[in-house]
N, C-alpha and C. Protein backbone atom coordinates (compact mmCIF):
# COMPACT_ATOMS: atom_id res chain seq x y z
N MET A 1 -14.47 54.23 43.57
CA MET A 1 -15.65 53.41 43.58
C MET A 1 -16.02 53.00 42.16
N ARG A 2 -15.87 53.89 41.27
CA ARG A 2 -16.23 53.62 39.89
C ARG A 2 -15.33 52.54 39.29
N ARG A 3 -14.06 52.59 39.60
CA ARG A 3 -13.12 51.62 39.07
C ARG A 3 -13.42 50.22 39.60
N ILE A 4 -13.73 50.07 40.85
CA ILE A 4 -14.05 48.78 41.45
C ILE A 4 -15.30 48.20 40.79
N THR A 5 -16.30 49.01 40.57
CA THR A 5 -17.52 48.56 39.92
C THR A 5 -17.24 48.07 38.51
N ALA A 6 -16.40 48.78 37.78
CA ALA A 6 -16.07 48.39 36.41
C ALA A 6 -15.32 47.06 36.41
N VAL A 7 -14.35 46.90 37.32
CA VAL A 7 -13.58 45.65 37.40
C VAL A 7 -14.49 44.51 37.84
N THR A 8 -15.35 44.76 38.82
CA THR A 8 -16.28 43.73 39.28
C THR A 8 -17.22 43.32 38.15
N GLY A 9 -17.72 44.30 37.40
CA GLY A 9 -18.60 44.00 36.26
C GLY A 9 -17.87 43.20 35.20
N LEU A 10 -16.61 43.53 34.94
CA LEU A 10 -15.81 42.83 33.96
C LEU A 10 -15.57 41.39 34.39
N LEU A 11 -15.26 41.18 35.67
CA LEU A 11 -15.04 39.83 36.18
C LEU A 11 -16.32 39.01 36.14
N ALA A 12 -17.44 39.62 36.48
CA ALA A 12 -18.72 38.91 36.44
C ALA A 12 -19.05 38.52 35.00
N GLY A 13 -18.80 39.41 34.05
CA GLY A 13 -19.04 39.10 32.64
C GLY A 13 -18.15 37.98 32.15
N ALA A 14 -16.88 37.99 32.57
CA ALA A 14 -15.95 36.93 32.18
C ALA A 14 -16.39 35.59 32.77
N ALA A 15 -16.84 35.60 34.02
CA ALA A 15 -17.30 34.37 34.66
C ALA A 15 -18.51 33.80 33.94
N LEU A 16 -19.44 34.66 33.54
CA LEU A 16 -20.61 34.19 32.80
C LEU A 16 -20.21 33.61 31.44
N ALA A 17 -19.27 34.24 30.78
CA ALA A 17 -18.81 33.75 29.48
C ALA A 17 -18.16 32.38 29.63
N LEU A 18 -17.33 32.21 30.67
CA LEU A 18 -16.69 30.92 30.90
C LEU A 18 -17.72 29.86 31.27
N ALA A 19 -18.70 30.23 32.06
CA ALA A 19 -19.74 29.28 32.44
C ALA A 19 -20.51 28.82 31.21
N GLY A 20 -20.72 29.69 30.27
CA GLY A 20 -21.42 29.32 29.04
C GLY A 20 -20.59 28.40 28.17
N CYS A 21 -19.26 28.48 28.27
CA CYS A 21 -18.38 27.66 27.45
C CYS A 21 -18.21 26.26 28.03
N SER A 22 -18.27 26.14 29.34
CA SER A 22 -18.07 24.84 29.93
C SER A 22 -19.41 24.26 30.32
N SER A 23 -19.51 22.96 30.17
CA SER A 23 -20.77 22.30 30.49
C SER A 23 -20.48 20.93 31.06
N ASP A 24 -21.19 20.59 32.11
CA ASP A 24 -21.04 19.27 32.69
C ASP A 24 -21.93 18.25 32.00
N SER A 25 -22.85 18.71 31.18
CA SER A 25 -23.75 17.77 30.50
C SER A 25 -23.05 17.17 29.29
N PRO A 26 -23.22 15.86 29.08
CA PRO A 26 -22.57 15.21 27.95
C PRO A 26 -23.17 15.63 26.61
N ALA A 27 -22.36 15.55 25.57
CA ALA A 27 -22.82 15.88 24.23
C ALA A 27 -23.74 14.78 23.71
N THR A 28 -24.84 15.17 23.08
CA THR A 28 -25.79 14.22 22.51
C THR A 28 -25.87 14.46 21.01
N ILE A 29 -25.75 13.37 20.24
CA ILE A 29 -25.76 13.44 18.79
C ILE A 29 -26.93 12.61 18.27
N GLU A 30 -27.74 13.20 17.39
CA GLU A 30 -28.84 12.47 16.76
C GLU A 30 -28.27 11.59 15.65
N VAL A 31 -28.73 10.35 15.59
CA VAL A 31 -28.24 9.37 14.62
C VAL A 31 -29.42 8.84 13.80
N THR A 32 -29.22 8.69 12.49
CA THR A 32 -30.23 8.09 11.62
C THR A 32 -29.56 7.12 10.66
N GLY A 33 -30.34 6.25 10.06
CA GLY A 33 -29.80 5.32 9.08
C GLY A 33 -30.68 4.11 8.91
N THR A 34 -30.05 3.00 8.49
CA THR A 34 -30.81 1.79 8.21
C THR A 34 -30.12 0.55 8.78
N GLN A 35 -30.93 -0.47 8.96
CA GLN A 35 -30.44 -1.81 9.29
C GLN A 35 -30.91 -2.73 8.18
N SER A 36 -29.99 -3.51 7.62
CA SER A 36 -30.35 -4.38 6.50
C SER A 36 -29.48 -5.62 6.51
N GLY A 37 -29.67 -6.45 5.48
CA GLY A 37 -28.84 -7.63 5.29
C GLY A 37 -28.92 -8.63 6.42
N CYS A 38 -30.08 -8.72 7.04
CA CYS A 38 -30.22 -9.59 8.21
C CYS A 38 -30.22 -11.06 7.81
N ALA A 39 -29.33 -11.80 8.43
CA ALA A 39 -29.32 -13.25 8.30
C ALA A 39 -29.88 -13.78 9.61
N ILE A 40 -31.19 -13.98 9.64
CA ILE A 40 -31.88 -14.35 10.88
C ILE A 40 -32.21 -15.83 10.87
N ALA A 41 -31.83 -16.50 11.94
CA ALA A 41 -32.23 -17.89 12.14
C ALA A 41 -33.54 -17.88 12.91
N PRO A 42 -34.63 -18.29 12.27
CA PRO A 42 -35.93 -18.21 12.95
C PRO A 42 -36.07 -19.28 14.03
N ASP A 43 -35.75 -18.90 15.25
CA ASP A 43 -35.97 -19.79 16.38
C ASP A 43 -37.43 -19.60 16.77
N ASN A 44 -38.08 -20.66 17.09
CA ASN A 44 -39.49 -20.51 17.41
C ASN A 44 -39.69 -20.79 18.88
N PRO A 45 -40.07 -19.90 19.70
CA PRO A 45 -40.41 -18.50 19.41
C PRO A 45 -39.18 -17.60 19.60
N GLY A 46 -38.95 -16.69 18.69
CA GLY A 46 -37.86 -15.73 18.77
C GLY A 46 -37.02 -15.76 17.51
N PHE A 47 -35.93 -15.01 17.53
CA PHE A 47 -35.00 -15.04 16.41
C PHE A 47 -33.63 -14.58 16.86
N HIS A 48 -32.63 -15.17 16.22
CA HIS A 48 -31.24 -14.84 16.49
C HIS A 48 -30.56 -14.64 15.14
N GLY A 49 -29.65 -13.67 15.06
CA GLY A 49 -28.96 -13.47 13.79
C GLY A 49 -28.10 -12.24 13.75
N ASN A 50 -27.60 -11.93 12.56
CA ASN A 50 -26.71 -10.79 12.33
C ASN A 50 -27.29 -9.88 11.26
N CYS A 51 -27.10 -8.57 11.44
CA CYS A 51 -27.55 -7.56 10.49
C CYS A 51 -26.45 -6.52 10.32
N VAL A 52 -26.63 -5.63 9.35
CA VAL A 52 -25.67 -4.56 9.10
C VAL A 52 -26.34 -3.22 9.41
N LEU A 53 -25.69 -2.42 10.25
CA LEU A 53 -26.16 -1.07 10.56
C LEU A 53 -25.36 -0.07 9.74
N ASP A 54 -26.04 0.75 8.96
CA ASP A 54 -25.41 1.81 8.18
C ASP A 54 -26.00 3.12 8.70
N LEU A 55 -25.31 3.74 9.66
CA LEU A 55 -25.84 4.91 10.36
C LEU A 55 -25.01 6.15 10.09
N SER A 56 -25.58 7.30 10.41
CA SER A 56 -24.94 8.59 10.13
C SER A 56 -23.70 8.84 10.98
N ASP A 57 -23.49 8.06 12.02
CA ASP A 57 -22.27 8.17 12.83
C ASP A 57 -21.57 6.81 12.79
N GLU A 58 -20.34 6.80 12.27
CA GLU A 58 -19.60 5.55 12.08
C GLU A 58 -19.38 4.80 13.39
N ARG A 59 -19.39 5.50 14.51
CA ARG A 59 -19.13 4.83 15.79
C ARG A 59 -20.21 3.82 16.14
N VAL A 60 -21.42 3.97 15.61
CA VAL A 60 -22.50 3.03 15.90
C VAL A 60 -22.93 2.26 14.65
N SER A 61 -22.12 2.32 13.60
CA SER A 61 -22.36 1.52 12.40
C SER A 61 -21.55 0.23 12.52
N GLY A 62 -21.96 -0.80 11.81
CA GLY A 62 -21.22 -2.06 11.83
C GLY A 62 -22.16 -3.24 11.78
N THR A 63 -21.67 -4.37 12.27
CA THR A 63 -22.46 -5.59 12.34
C THR A 63 -23.15 -5.65 13.69
N VAL A 64 -24.44 -5.98 13.68
CA VAL A 64 -25.17 -6.12 14.94
C VAL A 64 -25.66 -7.56 15.05
N GLU A 65 -25.34 -8.18 16.17
CA GLU A 65 -25.82 -9.54 16.47
C GLU A 65 -26.98 -9.41 17.45
N VAL A 66 -28.11 -9.99 17.09
CA VAL A 66 -29.30 -9.88 17.93
C VAL A 66 -29.75 -11.26 18.39
N GLU A 67 -30.27 -11.31 19.60
CA GLU A 67 -30.87 -12.52 20.16
C GLU A 67 -32.14 -12.10 20.88
N PHE A 68 -33.28 -12.40 20.28
CA PHE A 68 -34.57 -12.02 20.85
C PHE A 68 -35.42 -13.26 21.09
N ASP A 69 -36.09 -13.27 22.22
CA ASP A 69 -37.00 -14.35 22.58
C ASP A 69 -38.39 -13.79 22.77
N GLN A 70 -39.39 -14.55 22.35
CA GLN A 70 -40.77 -14.13 22.53
C GLN A 70 -41.11 -14.19 24.01
N VAL A 71 -41.71 -13.10 24.52
CA VAL A 71 -42.08 -13.05 25.93
C VAL A 71 -43.57 -12.83 26.14
N GLY A 72 -44.31 -12.59 25.08
CA GLY A 72 -45.74 -12.37 25.23
C GLY A 72 -46.43 -12.23 23.90
N GLU A 73 -47.75 -12.25 23.98
CA GLU A 73 -48.57 -12.11 22.78
C GLU A 73 -49.85 -11.39 23.18
N ASP A 74 -50.25 -10.43 22.34
CA ASP A 74 -51.48 -9.69 22.58
C ASP A 74 -52.20 -9.57 21.24
N GLY A 75 -53.15 -10.45 21.00
CA GLY A 75 -53.82 -10.46 19.70
C GLY A 75 -52.84 -10.86 18.62
N ASP A 76 -52.67 -10.00 17.62
CA ASP A 76 -51.73 -10.31 16.54
C ASP A 76 -50.37 -9.66 16.75
N THR A 77 -50.11 -9.15 17.96
CA THR A 77 -48.83 -8.52 18.27
C THR A 77 -48.02 -9.42 19.21
N VAL A 78 -46.78 -9.69 18.81
CA VAL A 78 -45.88 -10.53 19.61
C VAL A 78 -44.82 -9.63 20.23
N GLN A 79 -44.60 -9.78 21.54
CA GLN A 79 -43.57 -8.99 22.23
C GLN A 79 -42.29 -9.83 22.38
N PHE A 80 -41.15 -9.12 22.25
CA PHE A 80 -39.85 -9.76 22.35
C PHE A 80 -38.98 -9.02 23.36
N GLU A 81 -38.04 -9.74 23.95
CA GLU A 81 -36.98 -9.16 24.75
C GLU A 81 -35.69 -9.86 24.36
N GLY A 82 -34.57 -9.15 24.51
CA GLY A 82 -33.33 -9.79 24.16
C GLY A 82 -32.13 -8.89 24.27
N SER A 83 -31.12 -9.25 23.49
CA SER A 83 -29.84 -8.54 23.56
C SER A 83 -29.37 -8.18 22.16
N ALA A 84 -28.45 -7.22 22.13
CA ALA A 84 -27.84 -6.80 20.87
C ALA A 84 -26.39 -6.41 21.13
N VAL A 85 -25.53 -6.72 20.17
CA VAL A 85 -24.12 -6.32 20.23
C VAL A 85 -23.75 -5.75 18.87
N ILE A 86 -23.37 -4.47 18.84
CA ILE A 86 -22.88 -3.82 17.62
C ILE A 86 -21.36 -3.88 17.66
N SER A 87 -20.74 -4.34 16.58
CA SER A 87 -19.28 -4.45 16.52
C SER A 87 -18.74 -3.68 15.32
N ASN A 88 -17.63 -2.98 15.54
CA ASN A 88 -16.90 -2.33 14.46
C ASN A 88 -15.44 -2.18 14.89
N ASP A 89 -14.62 -1.52 14.10
CA ASP A 89 -13.19 -1.43 14.38
C ASP A 89 -12.87 -0.69 15.67
N GLY A 90 -13.75 0.20 16.13
CA GLY A 90 -13.48 0.99 17.33
C GLY A 90 -13.85 0.33 18.63
N GLY A 91 -14.69 -0.69 18.58
CA GLY A 91 -15.13 -1.36 19.80
C GLY A 91 -16.49 -1.99 19.61
N THR A 92 -17.20 -2.14 20.71
CA THR A 92 -18.53 -2.75 20.67
C THR A 92 -19.51 -1.93 21.49
N TRP A 93 -20.78 -2.16 21.22
CA TRP A 93 -21.90 -1.61 21.97
C TRP A 93 -22.74 -2.79 22.40
N THR A 94 -23.09 -2.88 23.69
CA THR A 94 -23.83 -4.04 24.17
C THR A 94 -25.06 -3.64 24.96
N SER A 95 -26.09 -4.49 24.85
CA SER A 95 -27.31 -4.31 25.63
C SER A 95 -27.95 -5.66 25.90
N ASP A 96 -28.39 -5.86 27.13
CA ASP A 96 -29.15 -7.05 27.49
C ASP A 96 -30.60 -6.71 27.76
N THR A 97 -31.01 -5.48 27.46
CA THR A 97 -32.35 -5.02 27.83
C THR A 97 -33.12 -4.47 26.63
N CYS A 98 -32.99 -5.10 25.48
CA CYS A 98 -33.74 -4.67 24.30
C CYS A 98 -35.17 -5.19 24.39
N THR A 99 -36.09 -4.40 23.87
CA THR A 99 -37.50 -4.81 23.81
C THR A 99 -38.03 -4.54 22.41
N GLY A 100 -39.05 -5.27 22.03
CA GLY A 100 -39.61 -5.04 20.71
C GLY A 100 -40.94 -5.73 20.52
N MET A 101 -41.51 -5.50 19.33
CA MET A 101 -42.78 -6.12 18.99
C MET A 101 -42.87 -6.33 17.49
N LEU A 102 -43.66 -7.32 17.13
CA LEU A 102 -43.93 -7.66 15.74
C LEU A 102 -45.43 -7.82 15.59
N GLU A 103 -46.00 -7.11 14.60
CA GLU A 103 -47.42 -7.29 14.27
C GLU A 103 -47.50 -8.34 13.18
N ASP A 104 -48.11 -9.47 13.50
CA ASP A 104 -48.17 -10.60 12.57
C ASP A 104 -48.81 -10.26 11.23
N GLU A 105 -49.92 -9.55 11.25
CA GLU A 105 -50.66 -9.27 10.01
C GLU A 105 -49.91 -8.36 9.06
N THR A 106 -49.25 -7.33 9.58
CA THR A 106 -48.59 -6.34 8.73
C THR A 106 -47.09 -6.56 8.58
N GLY A 107 -46.49 -7.31 9.49
CA GLY A 107 -45.05 -7.48 9.48
C GLY A 107 -44.30 -6.29 10.05
N HIS A 108 -45.04 -5.34 10.62
CA HIS A 108 -44.43 -4.15 11.22
C HIS A 108 -43.66 -4.54 12.48
N VAL A 109 -42.40 -4.08 12.57
CA VAL A 109 -41.58 -4.35 13.75
C VAL A 109 -41.12 -3.04 14.36
N GLU A 110 -40.93 -3.05 15.66
CA GLU A 110 -40.31 -1.95 16.40
C GLU A 110 -39.44 -2.55 17.49
N PHE A 111 -38.20 -2.07 17.60
CA PHE A 111 -37.30 -2.53 18.64
C PHE A 111 -36.56 -1.34 19.23
N ASP A 112 -36.33 -1.40 20.53
CA ASP A 112 -35.61 -0.36 21.26
C ASP A 112 -34.51 -0.99 22.10
N CYS A 113 -33.33 -0.39 22.05
CA CYS A 113 -32.20 -0.86 22.84
C CYS A 113 -31.44 0.34 23.39
N GLU A 114 -30.92 0.20 24.59
CA GLU A 114 -29.96 1.16 25.13
C GLU A 114 -28.65 0.41 25.29
N LEU A 115 -27.66 0.81 24.49
CA LEU A 115 -26.40 0.08 24.42
C LEU A 115 -25.27 0.87 25.06
N ALA A 116 -24.40 0.17 25.77
CA ALA A 116 -23.23 0.78 26.41
C ALA A 116 -22.00 0.49 25.57
N GLY A 117 -21.15 1.51 25.40
CA GLY A 117 -19.96 1.37 24.58
C GLY A 117 -18.79 0.75 25.33
N THR A 118 -17.94 0.02 24.58
CA THR A 118 -16.69 -0.52 25.10
C THR A 118 -15.57 -0.15 24.13
N GLY A 119 -14.34 -0.41 24.52
CA GLY A 119 -13.21 -0.05 23.66
C GLY A 119 -13.10 1.46 23.54
N ASP A 120 -12.98 1.96 22.31
CA ASP A 120 -12.90 3.41 22.08
C ASP A 120 -14.17 4.13 22.51
N TYR A 121 -15.26 3.39 22.73
CA TYR A 121 -16.56 3.99 23.06
C TYR A 121 -16.90 3.89 24.54
N GLU A 122 -15.95 3.49 25.36
CA GLU A 122 -16.16 3.35 26.80
C GLU A 122 -16.75 4.64 27.37
N GLY A 123 -17.80 4.51 28.18
CA GLY A 123 -18.44 5.66 28.80
C GLY A 123 -19.50 6.32 27.94
N MET A 124 -19.72 5.81 26.73
CA MET A 124 -20.73 6.37 25.83
C MET A 124 -21.97 5.47 25.83
N THR A 125 -23.12 6.06 25.48
CA THR A 125 -24.39 5.34 25.42
C THR A 125 -25.05 5.61 24.07
N PHE A 126 -25.62 4.56 23.49
CA PHE A 126 -26.38 4.69 22.25
C PHE A 126 -27.79 4.15 22.49
N VAL A 127 -28.79 5.01 22.37
CA VAL A 127 -30.19 4.61 22.50
C VAL A 127 -30.75 4.50 21.09
N GLN A 128 -31.14 3.29 20.71
CA GLN A 128 -31.53 2.99 19.33
C GLN A 128 -33.01 2.63 19.25
N HIS A 129 -33.67 3.13 18.20
CA HIS A 129 -35.04 2.74 17.88
C HIS A 129 -35.07 2.28 16.43
N LEU A 130 -35.56 1.07 16.20
CA LEU A 130 -35.67 0.52 14.86
C LEU A 130 -37.15 0.32 14.56
N GLU A 131 -37.54 0.65 13.32
CA GLU A 131 -38.94 0.51 12.94
C GLU A 131 -39.04 0.24 11.44
N GLY A 132 -39.96 -0.64 11.06
CA GLY A 132 -40.18 -0.88 9.64
C GLY A 132 -41.04 -2.08 9.37
N THR A 133 -41.36 -2.26 8.10
CA THR A 133 -42.11 -3.44 7.66
C THR A 133 -41.32 -4.23 6.63
N SER A 134 -40.19 -3.70 6.20
CA SER A 134 -39.35 -4.39 5.23
C SER A 134 -37.90 -3.98 5.46
N THR A 135 -37.01 -4.65 4.76
CA THR A 135 -35.61 -4.30 4.88
C THR A 135 -35.21 -3.39 3.73
N PRO A 136 -34.45 -2.35 3.90
CA PRO A 136 -33.86 -1.98 5.19
C PRO A 136 -34.87 -1.32 6.12
N SER A 137 -34.69 -1.56 7.41
CA SER A 137 -35.52 -0.92 8.43
C SER A 137 -34.90 0.41 8.81
N GLN A 138 -35.73 1.35 9.18
CA GLN A 138 -35.26 2.68 9.58
C GLN A 138 -34.79 2.66 11.03
N VAL A 139 -33.65 3.30 11.27
CA VAL A 139 -33.07 3.38 12.61
C VAL A 139 -32.88 4.84 12.97
N THR A 140 -33.31 5.20 14.16
CA THR A 140 -33.03 6.52 14.72
C THR A 140 -32.48 6.31 16.12
N GLY A 141 -31.81 7.32 16.64
CA GLY A 141 -31.30 7.18 17.99
C GLY A 141 -30.50 8.38 18.42
N THR A 142 -30.00 8.28 19.65
CA THR A 142 -29.14 9.31 20.20
C THR A 142 -27.88 8.67 20.75
N LEU A 143 -26.78 9.30 20.45
CA LEU A 143 -25.47 8.88 20.92
C LEU A 143 -25.03 9.90 21.95
N THR A 144 -24.77 9.45 23.17
CA THR A 144 -24.35 10.35 24.24
C THR A 144 -22.89 10.09 24.55
N GLU A 145 -22.09 11.14 24.44
CA GLU A 145 -20.66 11.05 24.70
C GLU A 145 -20.39 11.36 26.16
N GLY A 146 -19.68 10.41 26.82
CA GLY A 146 -19.22 10.53 28.19
C GLY A 146 -19.80 11.58 28.97
């Protein structure tokens, strides 16, 4: 009886150790950096152009093409919706559901995008938040691997 208990305990311990090593949840990486060098064509209302992302993870760094259209106004705050495409040597990240706002008086901007990876980044997601009043703007986000 004692031997069976010891073997059962050993197997249960091994199973717990293996369960701790394997995980079905995808890996999430915090990303920080800047967006700068924007060549924006001021479409009225909205803006379209290209910028450079210099982020802590090279997979989401590169050139970003943005197309935002004004969708609302609340006092001195203008709301935007649009799309973004980040391109680099490994592939692209795309989103058609970006949202943002600009405060006219201060020039403060905030934009949020959830981008899906293609190419080497297929199955990955990058959730980006951009905020600032000047260039370079601060970027934070999370990169989720498959």
